[in-house]
Protein backbone atom coordinates (compact mmCIF):
# COMPACT_ATOMS: atom_id res chain seq x y z
CA MET A 1 -6.78 -20.91 5.01
CA ASN A 2 -8.05 -19.55 8.18
CA ASP A 3 -6.87 -16.69 10.15
CA GLU A 4 -5.03 -19.30 12.90
CA ASN A 5 -2.81 -20.32 10.46
CA HIS A 6 -1.60 -18.01 8.82
CA GLY A 7 -0.95 -16.23 12.07
CA SER A 8 0.71 -12.92 12.73
CA MET A 9 2.11 -12.99 8.74
CA LEU A 10 -1.53 -12.31 7.59
CA VAL A 11 -1.79 -9.21 5.52
CA ASP A 12 -4.50 -6.93 6.70
CA VAL A 13 -7.01 -5.12 4.66
CA VAL A 14 -7.62 -1.53 6.37
CA SER A 15 -10.37 0.56 5.36
CA TYR A 16 -10.34 4.23 6.24
CA GLY A 17 -14.14 5.05 4.85
CA GLU A 18 -14.82 7.70 2.18
CA ASN A 19 -13.79 10.40 3.74
CA VAL A 20 -9.96 11.82 4.84
CA PHE A 21 -9.10 10.57 7.83
CA LEU A 22 -6.37 11.86 9.87
CA GLU A 23 -4.16 10.34 12.75
CA HIS A 24 -1.30 11.69 14.74
CA HIS A 25 1.11 9.65 17.33
CA GLN A 26 4.77 8.03 18.25
CA PRO A 27 5.61 5.88 15.29
CA GLU A 28 7.38 2.57 16.72
CA GLY A 29 8.86 -0.36 14.80
CA SER A 30 7.02 -3.42 15.34
CA SER A 31 6.68 -7.04 13.75
CA ASP A 32 2.78 -6.86 13.20
CA PRO A 33 1.37 -7.88 9.95
CA TYR A 34 1.72 -5.90 7.31
CA HIS A 35 -1.23 -4.02 5.47
CA THR A 36 -2.75 -2.78 2.58
CA HIS A 37 -5.45 -0.10 1.91
CA PRO A 38 -6.97 1.27 -1.25
CA SER A 39 -6.01 4.95 -0.14
CA ILE A 40 -3.46 7.48 -0.64
CA GLU A 41 -1.39 7.99 2.31
CA ILE A 42 0.79 11.24 3.12
CA ASN A 43 3.26 10.51 6.23
CA TYR A 44 5.16 13.96 8.38
CA LEU A 45 7.77 12.89 11.10
CA ARG A 46 9.24 15.14 13.01
CA GLU A 47 12.22 14.41 15.66
CA CYS A 48 12.68 10.92 13.84
CA ASP A 49 13.06 9.25 11.02
CA MET A 50 10.58 5.86 10.16
CA THR A 51 11.57 2.88 7.84
CA TYR A 52 9.23 0.94 5.86
CA SER A 53 8.77 -2.28 4.54
CA PHE A 54 7.06 -2.10 1.02
CA SER A 55 6.47 -6.05 0.38
CA GLY A 56 9.63 -6.61 1.72
CA VAL A 57 12.07 -3.67 0.30
CA GLU A 58 12.90 -1.60 3.21
CA ILE A 59 12.92 2.27 2.51
CA THR A 60 13.61 4.96 4.88
CA ILE A 61 11.32 7.95 5.12
CA PRO A 62 13.04 10.90 6.51
CA ARG A 63 11.59 13.66 8.69
CA ASP A 64 10.14 16.85 8.66
CA ARG A 65 9.40 15.97 4.56
CA LEU A 66 5.74 15.63 3.08
CA CYS A 67 5.77 11.89 1.91
CA VAL A 68 2.90 10.78 -0.26
CA PHE A 69 2.68 6.79 -1.25
CA TRP A 70 -0.77 4.75 -2.37
CA ALA A 71 -1.40 2.20 0.10
CA ALA A 72 -2.26 -0.55 -2.42
CA TYR A 73 0.77 -2.78 -1.55
CA PRO A 74 1.42 -4.78 1.57
CA HIS A 75 3.63 -2.32 3.56
CA ARG A 76 4.37 -2.02 7.80
CA PRO A 77 6.64 0.12 10.02
CA VAL A 78 10.05 -1.79 10.78
CA SER A 79 12.01 0.55 12.54
CA VAL A 80 12.50 4.02 13.81
CA THR A 81 15.46 6.16 14.69
CA GLY A 82 14.77 8.79 17.22
CA LYS A 83 11.60 9.69 19.73
CA GLY A 84 8.96 11.76 17.53
CA THR A 85 5.62 11.91 15.88
CA ILE A 86 4.42 10.82 12.75
CA THR A 87 1.29 12.72 11.40
CA ASN A 88 -1.07 10.73 8.67
CA ALA A 89 -3.44 11.68 6.40
CA TYR A 90 -5.71 9.05 4.27
CA VAL A 91 -7.28 9.60 1.34
CA SER A 92 -9.67 8.07 -0.68
CA LEU A 93 -8.95 6.41 -4.10
CA LYS A 94 -12.16 8.09 -5.76
CA GLN A 95 -11.37 11.41 -3.70
CA PHE A 96 -7.92 11.10 -4.52
CA LEU A 97 -8.80 10.92 -8.50
CA ASP A 98 -11.26 13.56 -8.65
CA TRP A 99 -9.05 16.18 -7.37
CA PRO A 100 -7.62 18.05 -10.92
CA LEU A 101 -4.01 17.36 -10.43
CA SER A 102 -1.11 16.79 -12.87
CA ALA A 103 -1.61 13.33 -15.09
CA LYS A 104 2.48 13.20 -14.02
CA LEU A 105 2.21 13.15 -10.25
CA VAL A 106 -1.08 10.89 -10.30
CA ASP A 107 1.22 8.54 -12.31
CA GLN A 108 3.61 8.45 -10.15
CA ILE A 109 1.67 7.70 -6.82
CA LEU A 110 -0.12 5.18 -9.07
CA SER A 111 2.64 3.18 -10.38
CA GLY A 112 3.73 2.44 -6.74
CA ALA A 113 6.28 5.42 -6.51
CA LEU A 114 6.84 6.73 -2.48
CA ILE A 115 7.47 10.76 -2.93
CA CYS A 116 8.08 13.38 -1.12
CA ALA A 117 8.69 16.80 -0.84
CA LYS A 118 12.40 18.30 -2.35
CA THR A 119 12.92 20.19 0.99
CA GLU A 120 12.19 20.78 4.37
CA LYS A 121 8.83 23.25 4.06
CA ASN A 122 8.05 25.85 7.16
CA TYR A 123 4.19 25.80 5.65
CA ASP A 124 4.26 21.76 6.54
CA LEU A 125 4.97 21.91 10.05
CA SER A 126 2.22 24.73 10.43
CA LEU A 127 -0.23 22.83 9.05
CA MET A 128 0.24 19.30 10.14
CA THR A 129 0.48 20.66 13.85
CA ARG A 130 -2.84 22.32 13.12
CA TRP A 131 -4.01 18.64 11.56
CA ALA A 132 -2.56 16.98 15.33
CA ARG A 133 -5.00 19.05 17.38
CA GLU A 134 -7.88 18.47 14.95
CA VAL A 135 -7.85 14.41 14.38
CA GLY A 136 -10.85 12.94 15.28
CA GLU A 137 -13.04 15.99 14.10
CA MET A 138 -15.37 13.85 11.84
CA ASP A 139 -18.00 16.48 11.31
CA ALA A 140 -19.04 17.06 7.32
CA ALA A 141 -17.90 20.95 8.35
CA TRP A 142 -14.06 19.98 9.42
CA GLN A 143 -13.70 16.85 6.70
CA ARG A 144 -14.39 19.52 3.94
CA LEU A 145 -11.87 21.84 5.28
CA HIS A 146 -9.68 18.51 5.62
CA ARG A 147 -9.97 17.77 2.19
CA GLN A 148 -9.65 21.17 1.01
CA GLU A 149 -6.15 21.75 2.55
CA ILE A 150 -5.03 18.30 1.44
CA HIS A 151 -6.05 18.66 -2.21
CA ALA A 152 -4.20 22.58 -1.37
CA ARG A 153 -1.40 20.72 -0.31
CA LEU A 154 -0.72 17.89 -2.93
CA ALA A 155 -1.81 20.99 -5.59
CA ARG A 156 1.52 22.88 -4.40
CA LEU A 157 3.86 19.56 -4.47
CA ASP A 158 2.77 19.46 -8.32
CA LEU A 159 3.91 22.76 -8.85
CA GLU A 160 7.21 22.40 -6.85
CA GLY A 161 8.12 18.97 -7.98
CA TRP A 162 8.61 15.83 -5.86
CA ASP A 163 11.83 13.52 -4.81
CA ILE A 164 11.07 9.92 -5.35
CA ILE A 165 13.04 7.93 -2.53
CA ALA A 166 11.23 4.80 -4.08
CA SER A 167 11.05 3.99 -7.52
CA PRO A 168 7.67 3.14 -9.52
CA ARG A 169 7.01 -0.47 -9.24
CA ASN A 170 6.06 -0.40 -13.46
CA ALA A 171 5.91 2.21 -15.85
CA THR A 172 2.12 2.18 -17.07
CA ARG A 173 0.45 5.39 -17.67
CA HIS A 174 -2.90 4.73 -15.70
CA ALA A 175 -5.99 6.29 -17.04
CA ARG A 176 -8.50 7.93 -14.32
CA ILE A 177 -11.52 6.30 -13.44
CA GLY A 178 -14.13 7.49 -11.16
CA GLY A 179 -17.60 6.51 -9.70
CA ASN A 180 -18.66 2.94 -9.68
CA ALA A 181 -15.19 1.82 -11.10
CA VAL A 182 -13.40 3.27 -8.05
CA THR A 183 -16.57 1.46 -6.03
CA HIS A 184 -15.42 -2.10 -8.42
CA PHE A 185 -12.13 -1.58 -7.44
CA ASP A 186 -11.61 -0.91 -4.16
CA LYS A 187 -13.84 -4.04 -3.47
CA MET A 188 -11.37 -6.30 -5.31
CA LEU A 189 -8.90 -5.30 -3.20
CA ARG A 190 -10.18 -5.92 -0.23
CA PHE A 191 -11.52 -9.35 -1.30
CA ILE A 192 -7.92 -10.37 -2.43
CA ALA A 193 -6.36 -9.14 1.05
CA HIS A 194 -8.88 -11.15 2.67
CA ASN A 195 -8.19 -14.63 0.59
CA ALA A 196 -5.40 -14.27 -1.36
CA PHE A 197 -3.90 -17.34 0.30
CA ASP A 198 -6.95 -19.35 -0.81
CA PRO A 199 -7.53 -20.71 -4.07
CA ILE A 200 -9.78 -18.06 -5.48
CA SER A 201 -9.76 -17.31 -9.16
CA VAL A 202 -10.36 -14.12 -11.24
CA GLN A 203 -13.57 -14.90 -11.58
CA ASP A 204 -14.63 -15.25 -7.29
CA VAL A 205 -12.23 -11.66 -7.52
CA ALA A 206 -14.99 -10.46 -10.08
CA ASP A 207 -17.96 -11.99 -8.13
CA SER A 208 -16.90 -10.13 -5.31
CA ALA A 209 -17.37 -6.88 -7.17
CA GLY A 210 -20.48 -7.96 -9.01
CA ILE A 211 -19.07 -7.00 -12.49
CA SER A 212 -17.48 -9.62 -14.91
CA ARG A 213 -14.61 -10.99 -15.82
CA ASN A 214 -12.91 -8.97 -18.09
CA TYR A 215 -14.26 -5.76 -16.87
CA ALA A 216 -11.88 -6.75 -13.71
CA ILE A 217 -8.77 -7.59 -15.49
CA GLU A 218 -9.38 -4.29 -17.73
CA LEU A 219 -9.56 -2.38 -14.24
CA PHE A 220 -6.67 -3.71 -12.85
CA ARG A 221 -4.80 -3.37 -16.06
CA LYS A 222 -5.70 0.18 -15.39
CA MET A 223 -4.64 0.89 -11.58
CA LEU A 224 -2.27 -1.00 -10.98
CA GLY A 225 -0.82 -2.05 -14.08
CA VAL A 226 -0.78 -5.56 -13.41
CA THR A 227 -3.28 -8.77 -13.87
CA VAL A 228 -5.47 -10.00 -10.81
CA LYS A 229 -3.33 -12.79 -11.55
CA ALA A 230 -0.15 -11.20 -10.98
CA TYR A 231 -1.15 -8.83 -7.97
CA ILE A 232 -2.28 -12.06 -6.16
CA ILE A 233 0.73 -13.95 -6.74
CA ASP A 234 2.55 -10.63 -5.65
CA LEU A 235 1.04 -11.13 -1.93
CA ARG A 236 1.74 -14.65 -2.22
CA ILE A 237 5.29 -14.97 -3.02
CA HIS A 238 5.67 -11.79 -0.16
CA HIS A 239 3.51 -14.11 2.21
CA ALA A 240 6.25 -16.73 1.10
CA LYS A 241 9.11 -14.88 1.99
CA MET A 242 8.30 -14.04 5.55
CA MET A 243 7.50 -17.39 6.22
CA LEU A 244 10.86 -18.64 4.60
CA ALA A 245 13.15 -16.53 6.87
CA ASP A 246 10.66 -16.24 9.76
CA THR A 247 10.13 -20.38 10.35
CA ASN A 248 11.47 -23.41 9.85
CA GLU A 249 7.98 -24.68 7.53
CA LYS A 250 9.43 -27.16 4.85
CA ILE A 251 8.60 -25.70 1.58
CA LEU A 252 5.98 -27.71 0.24
CA SER A 253 4.31 -26.34 3.50
CA VAL A 254 5.02 -22.62 2.81
CA ALA A 255 3.82 -23.46 -0.90
CA PHE A 256 0.46 -24.65 -0.16
CA ASP A 257 -0.72 -22.19 2.80
CA CYS A 258 0.25 -19.22 0.60
CA GLY A 259 -2.10 -20.86 -1.77
CA PHE A 260 0.09 -22.15 -4.65
CA ALA A 261 -1.53 -25.35 -5.62
CA SER A 262 1.78 -27.35 -5.92
CA LEU A 263 5.52 -26.97 -5.47
CA SER A 264 6.37 -26.86 -9.00
CA SER A 265 3.69 -24.12 -9.71
CA PHE A 266 5.20 -22.29 -6.07
CA TYR A 267 8.89 -22.81 -7.39
CA GLU A 268 8.54 -21.48 -10.67
CA ALA A 269 6.48 -17.82 -9.03
CA PHE A 270 9.35 -18.02 -6.55
CA SER A 271 12.08 -17.55 -9.00
CA LYS A 272 10.44 -15.60 -11.49
CA SER A 273 9.46 -13.33 -8.72
CA THR A 274 13.14 -13.19 -7.04
CA GLY A 275 15.62 -14.79 -9.33
CA ILE A 276 16.68 -17.88 -6.44
CA THR A 277 14.80 -20.47 -5.26
CA PRO A 278 12.68 -20.46 -1.88
CA ALA A 279 15.40 -22.62 -0.67
CA ALA A 280 18.49 -20.45 -1.89
CA PHE A 281 16.23 -16.99 -0.10
CA ARG A 282 15.91 -19.29 2.80
CA GLU A 283 19.51 -19.87 3.20
CA GLN A 284 20.48 -16.01 2.94
CA HIS A 285 18.03 -15.46 5.67
CA ASP A 286 19.28 -18.28 7.97
């Protein structure tokens, strides 16, 4: 399918490059497309609370507490309470895995948990105020400093402990990978994000990264705890939920628009994922 057929319901892939990337702005809820990126995302809200939708599950991120999650699954802000600011830091997956952080912290984040500092920390306010002033500094020396500061803050979170405000998607213990493996995985995620609603195969995904089918399957199991096929189906079901809730498209059209080869395969996958049929889901959201 092309972008015109999917309209605003597409899951967009976002790239923040190989370095760390900082943002600072006033957040707003929106109906923009869900997006996904293979970065570790760090959020810090001031004078406002923000509710994210993670693949349709709404989670409110508290103000004045550092929050961290892996953004490989579709997410978007849906509402904001209060008028404040948000400071974001994005760290490439490769950089995150290169840092000597505990297996417990890495496993929690890569399993899909959304974690945050246990309490409000005064030093976070000072750190985020500096980062807000330094947004746009891409000089190598500034990049090195920001990498060091982000690493130090995550190391402190590792030692102090954290609260889990959204549970992991799976309990798989993730093996650490590095080098070309991270690059291959990144390429596969981007290919899937752009082509999830087309009739793509596991081989197509592997080919996008220039690796074998078996190696692609191995990387997905290590990094996401699921198969390539299961990850693609998850994106398709998520897209189908939005279409069922927000449009009057016939269920057959929804099935085909979301990349399913038949109505029966759509019903089977949807019911397995949600516990109800597509028709029942639509009735709940009328």
